[in-house]
Amino acid sequence: MEDRTLVLTMGDGKEVTCDILFTYHSDQFNKDYVIFQPRGEEQLSAASYVEDGDGKGSLQAVESEEEWDMLEELVNDYYGDQQGSGCGGNCGGCSGCGTEECDCDGNCGE
């Protein structure tokens, strides 16, 4: 199974592990986005992903209200699509992949 996590290093040096819910490319803004959730928290967050020349990249802050509005709509669609499929990520242990094989312990049969 593909690793769907990222580790953010905060300004104070503290590391925060996050589960990646999904990624998205916007033609409108010509950017790639990562929508993620810090473990142990309910609130989601997002950042744009900028790849450098050697296959690595970095996360950048979302720059505008228009981008946040688009991302909020995507998250709403994402969770709307999960309704009726597995636990939909609402059990607290699942990433919300929506597969029928989700056992609500974060182990999804993708």
C-alpha atoms as a PDB file:
ATOM      1  CA  MET A   1       0.000   0.000   0.000  1.00  0.00           C
ATOM      2  CA  GLU A   2       1.263   3.456  -0.904  1.00  0.00           C
ATOM      3  CA  ASP A   3       2.346   5.667   2.001  1.00  0.00           C
ATOM      4  CA  ARG A   4      -0.243   8.437   2.308  1.00  0.00           C
ATOM      5  CA  THR A   5       1.407  10.479   5.049  1.00  0.00           C
ATOM      6  CA  LEU A   6       3.547  13.552   5.279  1.00  0.00           C
ATOM      7  CA  VAL A   7       5.516  15.005   8.158  1.00  0.00           C
ATOM      8  CA  LEU A   8       5.470  18.759   8.680  1.00  0.00           C
ATOM      9  CA  THR A   9       8.235  20.442  10.647  1.00  0.00           C
ATOM     10  CA  MET A  10       6.821  23.403  12.514  1.00  0.00           C
ATOM     11  CA  GLY A  11       8.704  26.629  13.262  1.00  0.00           C
ATOM     12  CA  ASP A  12       9.582  25.375  16.744  1.00  0.00           C
ATOM     13  CA  GLY A  13      11.070  22.156  15.308  1.00  0.00           C
ATOM     14  CA  LYS A  14       8.111  19.987  16.365  1.00  0.00           C
ATOM     15  CA  GLU A  15       7.154  17.363  13.775  1.00  0.00           C
ATOM     16  CA  VAL A  16       3.496  16.755  12.967  1.00  0.00           C
ATOM     17  CA  THR A  17       2.443  13.605  11.091  1.00  0.00           C
ATOM     18  CA  CYS A  18      -0.464  14.127   8.713  1.00  0.00           C
ATOM     19  CA  ASP A  19      -2.623  11.787   6.652  1.00  0.00           C
ATOM     20  CA  ILE A  20      -3.012  12.797   3.018  1.00  0.00           C
ATOM     21  CA  LEU A  21      -6.689  12.652   2.070  1.00  0.00           C
ATOM     22  CA  PHE A  22      -6.196  13.433  -1.594  1.00  0.00           C
ATOM     23  CA  THR A  23      -4.237  15.472  -4.109  1.00  0.00           C
ATOM     24  CA  TYR A  24      -5.630  17.674  -6.852  1.00  0.00           C
ATOM     25  CA  HIS A  25      -4.336  19.573  -9.877  1.00  0.00           C
ATOM     26  CA  SER A  26      -6.124  22.818 -10.699  1.00  0.00           C
ATOM     27  CA  ASP A  27      -5.957  23.993 -14.293  1.00  0.00           C
ATOM     28  CA  GLN A  28      -7.522  27.279 -13.157  1.00  0.00           C
ATOM     29  CA  PHE A  29      -4.614  28.094 -10.826  1.00  0.00           C
ATOM     30  CA  ASN A  30      -2.054  25.855 -12.571  1.00  0.00           C
ATOM     31  CA  LYS A  31      -1.080  24.323  -9.243  1.00  0.00           C
ATOM     32  CA  ASP A  32      -1.042  20.964  -7.500  1.00  0.00           C
ATOM     33  CA  TYR A  33      -2.613  20.750  -4.038  1.00  0.00           C
ATOM     34  CA  VAL A  34      -2.371  18.350  -1.116  1.00  0.00           C
ATOM     35  CA  ILE A  35      -5.330  18.088   1.265  1.00  0.00           C
ATOM     36  CA  PHE A  36      -4.296  16.565   4.580  1.00  0.00           C
ATOM     37  CA  GLN A  37      -5.299  16.072   8.194  1.00  0.00           C
ATOM     38  CA  PRO A  38      -2.890  16.211  11.127  1.00  0.00           C
ATOM     39  CA  ARG A  39      -3.239  13.013  13.157  1.00  0.00           C
ATOM     40  CA  GLY A  40      -5.351  13.431  16.252  1.00  0.00           C
ATOM     41  CA  GLU A  41      -7.060  16.562  14.931  1.00  0.00           C
ATOM     42  CA  GLU A  42     -10.422  17.025  13.254  1.00  0.00           C
ATOM     43  CA  GLN A  43      -9.536  20.046  11.142  1.00  0.00           C
ATOM     44  CA  LEU A  44      -8.211  19.569   7.614  1.00  0.00           C
ATOM     45  CA  SER A  45      -5.598  21.690   5.928  1.00  0.00           C
ATOM     46  CA  ALA A  46      -4.227  22.160   2.441  1.00  0.00           C
ATOM     47  CA  ALA A  47      -1.120  23.428   0.709  1.00  0.00           C
ATOM     48  CA  SER A  48       0.098  23.760  -2.832  1.00  0.00           C
ATOM     49  CA  TYR A  49       2.857  21.390  -3.871  1.00  0.00           C
ATOM     50  CA  VAL A  50       5.730  22.769  -5.926  1.00  0.00           C
ATOM     51  CA  GLU A  51       8.069  20.208  -7.459  1.00  0.00           C
ATOM     52  CA  ASP A  52      11.670  21.185  -8.079  1.00  0.00           C
ATOM     53  CA  GLY A  53      13.870  19.936 -10.878  1.00  0.00           C
ATOM     54  CA  ASP A  54      15.161  16.758  -9.231  1.00  0.00           C
ATOM     55  CA  GLY A  55      11.838  15.080  -8.385  1.00  0.00           C
ATOM     56  CA  LYS A  56      11.510  16.515  -4.904  1.00  0.00           C
ATOM     57  CA  GLY A  57       9.207  19.272  -3.825  1.00  0.00           C
ATOM     58  CA  SER A  58       7.941  21.537  -1.112  1.00  0.00           C
ATOM     59  CA  LEU A  59       4.626  22.692   0.280  1.00  0.00           C
ATOM     60  CA  GLN A  60       3.622  26.325  -0.088  1.00  0.00           C
ATOM     61  CA  ALA A  61       0.815  28.253   1.596  1.00  0.00           C
ATOM     62  CA  VAL A  62      -2.479  28.596  -0.266  1.00  0.00           C
ATOM     63  CA  GLU A  63      -2.408  32.171  -1.506  1.00  0.00           C
ATOM     64  CA  SER A  64      -5.952  33.383  -2.129  1.00  0.00           C
ATOM     65  CA  GLU A  65      -9.562  33.173  -0.953  1.00  0.00           C
ATOM     66  CA  GLU A  66     -10.486  31.858  -4.406  1.00  0.00           C
ATOM     67  CA  GLU A  67      -8.123  28.911  -3.933  1.00  0.00           C
ATOM     68  CA  TRP A  68      -9.523  28.210  -0.443  1.00  0.00           C
ATOM     69  CA  ASP A  69     -13.085  28.340  -1.829  1.00  0.00           C
ATOM     70  CA  MET A  70     -12.158  25.824  -4.549  1.00  0.00           C
ATOM     71  CA  LEU A  71     -10.453  23.537  -2.010  1.00  0.00           C
ATOM     72  CA  GLU A  72     -13.410  23.718   0.380  1.00  0.00           C
ATOM     73  CA  GLU A  73     -15.736  22.677  -2.447  1.00  0.00           C
ATOM     74  CA  LEU A  74     -13.417  19.769  -3.316  1.00  0.00           C
ATOM     75  CA  VAL A  75     -13.375  18.591   0.309  1.00  0.00           C
ATOM     76  CA  ASN A  76     -17.181  18.785   0.465  1.00  0.00           C
ATOM     77  CA  ASP A  77     -17.402  16.752  -2.763  1.00  0.00           C
ATOM     78  CA  TYR A  78     -14.843  14.268  -1.426  1.00  0.00           C
ATOM     79  CA  TYR A  79     -16.820  13.603   1.743  1.00  0.00           C
ATOM     80  CA  GLY A  80     -20.112  13.604  -0.174  1.00  0.00           C
ATOM     81  CA  ASP A  81     -18.738  10.850  -2.429  1.00  0.00           C
ATOM     82  CA  GLN A  82     -17.787   8.823   0.658  1.00  0.00           C
ATOM     83  CA  GLN A  83     -21.369   8.569   1.921  1.00  0.00           C
ATOM     84  CA  GLY A  84     -22.537   4.989   1.613  1.00  0.00           C
ATOM     85  CA  SER A  85     -19.039   3.627   0.929  1.00  0.00           C
ATOM     86  CA  GLY A  86     -17.397   1.925   3.865  1.00  0.00           C
ATOM     87  CA  CYS A  87     -17.126   4.198   6.881  1.00  0.00           C
ATOM     88  CA  GLY A  88     -16.282   7.216   4.709  1.00  0.00           C
ATOM     89  CA  GLY A  89     -13.571   8.219   7.136  1.00  0.00           C
ATOM     90  CA  ASN A  90     -16.113   9.076   9.811  1.00  0.00           C
ATOM     91  CA  CYS A  91     -15.013   6.337  12.208  1.00  0.00           C
ATOM     92  CA  GLY A  92     -11.871   8.241  13.132  1.00  0.00           C
ATOM     93  CA  GLY A  93      -9.479   5.423  12.241  1.00  0.00           C
ATOM     94  CA  CYS A  94      -9.825   5.525   8.481  1.00  0.00           C
ATOM     95  CA  SER A  95      -8.363   7.949   5.984  1.00  0.00           C
ATOM     96  CA  GLY A  96     -11.729   8.120   4.240  1.00  0.00           C
ATOM     97  CA  CYS A  97     -10.712   6.162   1.165  1.00  0.00           C
ATOM     98  CA  GLY A  98     -14.282   4.921   0.909  1.00  0.00           C
ATOM     99  CA  THR A  99     -13.454   1.347  -0.037  1.00  0.00           C
ATOM    100  CA  GLU A 100     -15.859  -1.320   1.090  1.00  0.00           C
ATOM    101  CA  GLU A 101     -12.937  -3.191   2.662  1.00  0.00           C
ATOM    102  CA  CYS A 102     -12.158  -0.497   5.228  1.00  0.00           C
ATOM    103  CA  ASP A 103     -12.058  -2.068   8.669  1.00  0.00           C
ATOM    104  CA  CYS A 104     -12.177   1.294  10.512  1.00  0.00           C
ATOM    105  CA  ASP A 105      -8.717   0.725  11.934  1.00  0.00           C
ATOM    106  CA  GLY A 106      -7.096   2.670   9.134  1.00  0.00           C
ATOM    107  CA  ASN A 107      -6.517  -0.518   7.159  1.00  0.00           C
ATOM    108  CA  CYS A 108      -8.113  -0.187   3.777  1.00  0.00           C
ATOM    109  CA  GLY A 109      -8.210  -2.909   1.168  1.00  0.00           C
ATOM    110  CA  GLU A 110      -7.365  -0.732  -1.818  1.00  0.00           C
END
